[in-house]
Amino acid sequence: METSSTTPDYYENFSPETSESGTCSSIDINEFGRAFLPMFYYIIFTVSILGNGVVLLVVYKFEKMNTVTNIFLINLVASNIIFTLTLPFQAVYHSSEWIFGEPLCKLVTSAYYLGFYSSILFLTLMTFDRYLAVVHCVVANKNRRSVYAASLSVAVWIISLLESLEYLIRFTVEESQMDGLLCEDSNENQWRTFSFYKQFVLFFLFPLVVFVYCYSRITLTIMRTRMIAGPSKISPVSVW
């Protein structure tokens, strides 16, 4: 009994040329990223520097610097600027390869995540502060002082700094035959997976829960106040 030595038909027409002509090849994606991402980073850099500069100018000229909201706002602007200053490095990196050496690879990546994490935490903190000022206004007016805001701001910076230090340790410059010098995580996949889930829980899921809960309670409080007092009897109250 003879056995057929022929291969299935779908292998007969296979060639590297047909494989590379797919609609979503990695080469096409890399070329698209090199063309699009640098310009995107430069635009975000310019808009962020101008926008945060205007915020600082307005707060300095027209607002009291020692209020709770403005202390949080100034810290948020600082974290945004730290994040923004890393974008030109990312633009050059995505246009060719990492040309700044290993020390800057570690420093820029760590600063990127420091700004990223602290921005998220300050937004979460400001949301919780609005919740206290609206929903628990009597207690909040007694406890919301500049020392309270400064202490929480220091705590946010410490948490963000500790979380960003791991990137200072883990990232290094490696050479790839296809992409040149890369600034990448040198750890094993298991640690990367753990880091991903930690980032997801602490800096996405937790802030999301706080946002949804706080703004839901704020909305219900405002609606209940309107129903009890009537729109004409409600006077604007400053919670700053």
Protein backbone atom coordinates (compact mmCIF):
# COMPACT_ATOMS: atom_id res chain seq x y z
CA MET A 1 0.00 0.00 0.00
CA GLU A 2 1.54 3.26 -1.13
CA THR A 3 1.39 6.40 0.94
CA SER A 4 1.12 9.76 -0.68
CA SER A 5 4.14 12.00 -0.23
CA THR A 6 2.43 15.10 -1.54
CA THR A 7 1.75 18.04 0.74
CA PRO A 8 -1.68 19.64 1.10
CA ASP A 9 -2.70 22.13 -1.55
CA TYR A 10 -2.57 25.13 0.73
CA TYR A 11 1.21 24.74 1.10
CA GLU A 12 1.88 24.61 -2.63
CA ASN A 13 1.24 28.29 -3.28
CA PHE A 14 3.05 29.50 -0.17
CA SER A 15 6.02 31.79 -0.63
CA PRO A 16 7.70 34.45 1.48
CA GLU A 17 6.43 37.08 -0.95
CA THR A 18 2.79 36.14 -0.40
CA SER A 19 3.33 35.94 3.35
CA GLU A 20 4.82 39.43 3.50
CA SER A 21 2.05 40.92 1.37
CA GLY A 22 -0.53 40.49 4.15
CA THR A 23 -2.68 43.42 5.14
CA CYS A 24 -1.11 43.80 8.59
CA SER A 25 2.58 42.92 8.37
CA SER A 26 4.87 43.97 11.20
CA ILE A 27 7.02 45.96 8.78
CA ASP A 28 4.04 48.05 7.66
CA ILE A 29 3.07 48.68 11.29
CA ASN A 30 6.60 49.78 12.18
CA GLU A 31 6.75 52.14 9.22
CA PHE A 32 3.37 53.63 10.14
CA GLY A 33 4.55 54.14 13.72
CA ARG A 34 7.74 55.87 12.58
CA ALA A 35 5.75 58.22 10.37
CA PHE A 36 2.89 59.00 12.78
CA LEU A 37 4.10 58.72 16.38
CA PRO A 38 6.92 61.33 16.35
CA MET A 39 4.62 64.06 15.02
CA PHE A 40 1.94 63.03 17.53
CA TYR A 41 4.43 63.26 20.41
CA TYR A 42 5.66 66.70 19.28
CA ILE A 43 2.09 68.02 19.05
CA ILE A 44 1.22 66.72 22.52
CA PHE A 45 4.47 68.19 23.88
CA THR A 46 3.72 71.65 22.47
CA VAL A 47 0.07 71.72 23.54
CA SER A 48 0.89 70.41 27.02
CA ILE A 49 3.68 72.92 27.69
CA LEU A 50 1.50 75.83 26.54
CA GLY A 51 -1.62 74.62 28.38
CA ASN A 52 0.10 73.89 31.67
CA GLY A 53 2.03 77.16 31.41
CA VAL A 54 -1.23 79.08 31.08
CA VAL A 55 -2.69 77.25 34.09
CA LEU A 56 0.35 78.13 36.22
CA LEU A 57 0.16 81.76 35.10
CA VAL A 58 -3.55 82.05 35.91
CA VAL A 59 -3.15 80.43 39.34
CA TYR A 60 -0.16 82.63 40.16
CA LYS A 61 -1.78 85.88 39.00
CA PHE A 62 -5.42 85.50 40.00
CA GLU A 63 -5.73 82.74 42.62
CA LYS A 64 -4.57 82.10 46.16
CA MET A 65 -1.71 79.64 46.11
CA ASN A 66 -2.44 78.08 49.50
CA THR A 67 -5.97 76.78 48.87
CA VAL A 68 -6.54 73.02 48.82
CA THR A 69 -7.69 72.91 45.21
CA ASN A 70 -4.82 75.04 43.94
CA ILE A 71 -2.22 72.99 45.82
CA PHE A 72 -3.54 69.86 44.13
CA LEU A 73 -3.73 71.69 40.79
CA ILE A 74 -0.12 72.91 40.95
CA ASN A 75 1.06 69.40 41.74
CA LEU A 76 -1.00 68.04 38.85
CA VAL A 77 0.61 70.58 36.51
CA ALA A 78 4.06 69.55 37.78
CA SER A 79 3.33 65.87 37.10
CA ASN A 80 2.03 66.74 33.61
CA ILE A 81 5.19 68.68 32.83
CA ILE A 82 7.42 65.80 34.00
CA PHE A 83 5.50 63.44 31.72
CA THR A 84 5.59 65.92 28.83
CA LEU A 85 9.35 66.47 29.00
CA THR A 86 9.92 62.80 28.14
CA LEU A 87 7.92 62.98 24.89
CA PRO A 88 10.67 64.46 22.64
CA PHE A 89 12.90 61.52 23.60
CA GLN A 90 10.08 59.14 22.70
CA ALA A 91 9.58 60.94 19.39
CA VAL A 92 13.24 60.53 18.39
CA TYR A 93 13.20 56.91 19.59
CA HIS A 94 10.16 55.95 17.53
CA SER A 95 11.51 57.70 14.44
CA SER A 96 14.72 55.64 14.36
CA GLU A 97 16.27 53.99 17.42
CA TRP A 98 17.38 54.83 20.96
CA ILE A 99 20.43 57.07 20.55
CA PHE A 100 20.70 58.59 24.05
CA GLY A 101 22.52 55.80 25.88
CA GLU A 102 21.54 53.52 28.74
CA PRO A 103 21.53 56.09 31.60
CA LEU A 104 18.98 58.27 29.79
CA CYS A 105 17.02 55.16 28.82
CA LYS A 106 16.51 54.41 32.50
CA LEU A 107 15.97 58.03 33.53
CA VAL A 108 13.53 58.97 30.77
CA THR A 109 11.46 55.81 31.23
CA SER A 110 11.32 56.30 34.99
CA ALA A 111 10.35 59.98 34.57
CA TYR A 112 7.68 58.99 32.04
CA TYR A 113 5.99 56.68 34.52
CA LEU A 114 6.53 59.09 37.42
CA GLY A 115 4.58 61.76 35.57
CA PHE A 116 2.01 59.26 34.33
CA TYR A 117 1.30 57.71 37.73
CA SER A 118 1.29 60.98 39.67
CA SER A 119 -1.08 62.60 37.15
CA ILE A 120 -3.60 59.79 37.59
CA LEU A 121 -3.32 59.88 41.40
CA PHE A 122 -3.67 63.67 41.58
CA LEU A 123 -6.77 63.54 39.38
CA THR A 124 -8.16 60.85 41.68
CA LEU A 125 -7.28 62.93 44.73
CA MET A 126 -8.96 66.03 43.30
CA THR A 127 -12.07 64.02 42.52
CA PHE A 128 -12.22 62.70 46.09
CA ASP A 129 -11.67 66.23 47.43
CA ARG A 130 -14.63 67.50 45.36
CA TYR A 131 -16.69 64.66 46.79
CA LEU A 132 -15.83 65.69 50.34
CA ALA A 133 -16.53 69.35 49.64
CA VAL A 134 -19.97 68.70 48.14
CA VAL A 135 -21.30 65.59 49.88
CA HIS A 136 -19.70 66.11 53.30
CA CYS A 137 -19.33 69.88 53.22
CA VAL A 138 -19.65 70.47 56.99
CA VAL A 139 -16.88 68.05 57.91
CA ALA A 140 -14.80 69.01 54.88
CA ASN A 141 -14.84 72.73 55.71
CA LYS A 142 -13.31 71.94 59.12
CA ASN A 143 -10.62 69.58 57.87
CA ARG A 144 -9.72 70.87 54.39
CA ARG A 145 -6.62 72.92 55.14
CA SER A 146 -3.39 73.54 53.25
CA VAL A 147 -1.55 71.09 55.54
CA TYR A 148 -4.06 68.40 54.56
CA ALA A 149 -3.45 69.08 50.85
CA ALA A 150 0.33 69.26 51.22
CA SER A 151 0.47 65.98 53.17
CA LEU A 152 -1.61 64.11 50.60
CA SER A 153 0.47 65.59 47.76
CA VAL A 154 3.68 64.36 49.39
CA ALA A 155 2.11 60.90 49.77
CA VAL A 156 1.19 60.84 46.06
CA TRP A 157 4.72 61.78 45.01
CA ILE A 158 6.24 59.11 47.26
CA ILE A 159 3.94 56.40 45.89
CA SER A 160 4.57 57.47 42.29
CA LEU A 161 8.33 57.66 42.83
CA LEU A 162 8.47 54.19 44.37
CA GLU A 163 6.44 52.73 41.51
CA SER A 164 8.61 54.42 38.89
CA LEU A 165 11.89 53.25 40.43
CA GLU A 166 11.37 49.72 39.12
CA TYR A 167 11.67 51.07 35.56
CA LEU A 168 14.96 52.71 36.52
CA ILE A 169 16.23 49.24 37.42
CA ARG A 170 14.56 47.09 34.78
CA PHE A 171 15.04 49.05 31.56
CA THR A 172 18.23 48.76 29.52
CA VAL A 173 19.48 49.28 25.98
CA GLU A 174 19.57 46.20 23.76
CA GLU A 175 20.54 45.84 20.13
CA SER A 176 18.19 44.31 17.58
CA GLN A 177 19.23 43.32 14.07
CA MET A 178 15.96 44.64 12.65
CA ASP A 179 15.25 47.75 14.77
CA GLY A 180 18.68 48.81 16.00
CA LEU A 181 19.14 50.00 19.60
CA LEU A 182 16.07 49.48 21.79
CA CYS A 183 15.26 50.88 25.23
CA GLU A 184 13.27 47.98 26.67
CA ASP A 185 12.37 46.01 29.75
CA SER A 186 15.05 43.41 30.41
CA ASN A 187 13.01 41.30 32.83
CA GLU A 188 11.30 37.99 32.14
CA ASN A 189 7.75 37.76 30.85
CA GLN A 190 6.35 36.67 34.23
CA TRP A 191 7.51 39.85 35.91
CA ARG A 192 6.18 41.93 33.02
CA THR A 193 2.78 40.27 33.42
CA PHE A 194 2.77 40.97 37.16
CA SER A 195 3.76 44.60 36.52
CA PHE A 196 0.98 44.97 33.94
CA TYR A 197 -1.74 43.71 36.28
CA LYS A 198 -0.41 45.83 39.15
CA GLN A 199 -0.53 48.89 36.91
CA PHE A 200 -4.03 47.98 35.75
CA VAL A 201 -5.40 47.64 39.29
CA LEU A 202 -3.62 50.57 40.99
CA PHE A 203 -3.67 53.14 38.20
CA PHE A 204 -6.77 52.25 36.18
CA LEU A 205 -9.28 50.17 38.08
CA PHE A 206 -8.92 51.94 41.45
CA PRO A 207 -9.14 55.49 39.97
CA LEU A 208 -12.09 54.42 37.82
CA VAL A 209 -14.00 53.15 40.87
CA VAL A 210 -13.25 56.39 42.74
CA PHE A 211 -14.38 58.54 39.81
CA VAL A 212 -17.64 56.65 39.31
CA TYR A 213 -18.51 56.57 43.02
CA CYS A 214 -17.59 60.18 43.80
CA TYR A 215 -19.28 61.77 40.80
CA SER A 216 -22.37 59.60 41.28
CA ARG A 217 -22.67 60.80 44.88
CA ILE A 218 -22.01 64.41 43.85
CA THR A 219 -24.72 64.24 41.19
CA LEU A 220 -27.24 62.67 43.59
CA THR A 221 -26.47 65.27 46.27
CA ILE A 222 -26.98 68.18 43.88
CA MET A 223 -30.23 66.69 42.53
CA ARG A 224 -31.54 66.04 46.05
CA THR A 225 -30.68 69.60 47.10
CA ARG A 226 -32.53 71.01 44.11
CA MET A 227 -35.60 68.89 44.85
CA ILE A 228 -35.70 69.99 48.50
CA ALA A 229 -34.87 73.67 48.18
CA GLY A 230 -35.99 74.43 44.63
CA PRO A 231 -33.80 75.96 41.93
CA SER A 232 -34.61 79.57 42.88
CA LYS A 233 -33.59 79.10 46.51
CA ILE A 234 -30.20 77.58 45.88
CA SER A 235 -27.38 80.07 46.14
CA PRO A 236 -23.95 79.27 44.76
CA VAL A 237 -21.68 78.09 47.53
CA SER A 238 -17.95 78.12 47.13
CA VAL A 239 -16.28 74.80 47.94
CA TRP A 240 -12.82 75.90 47.05
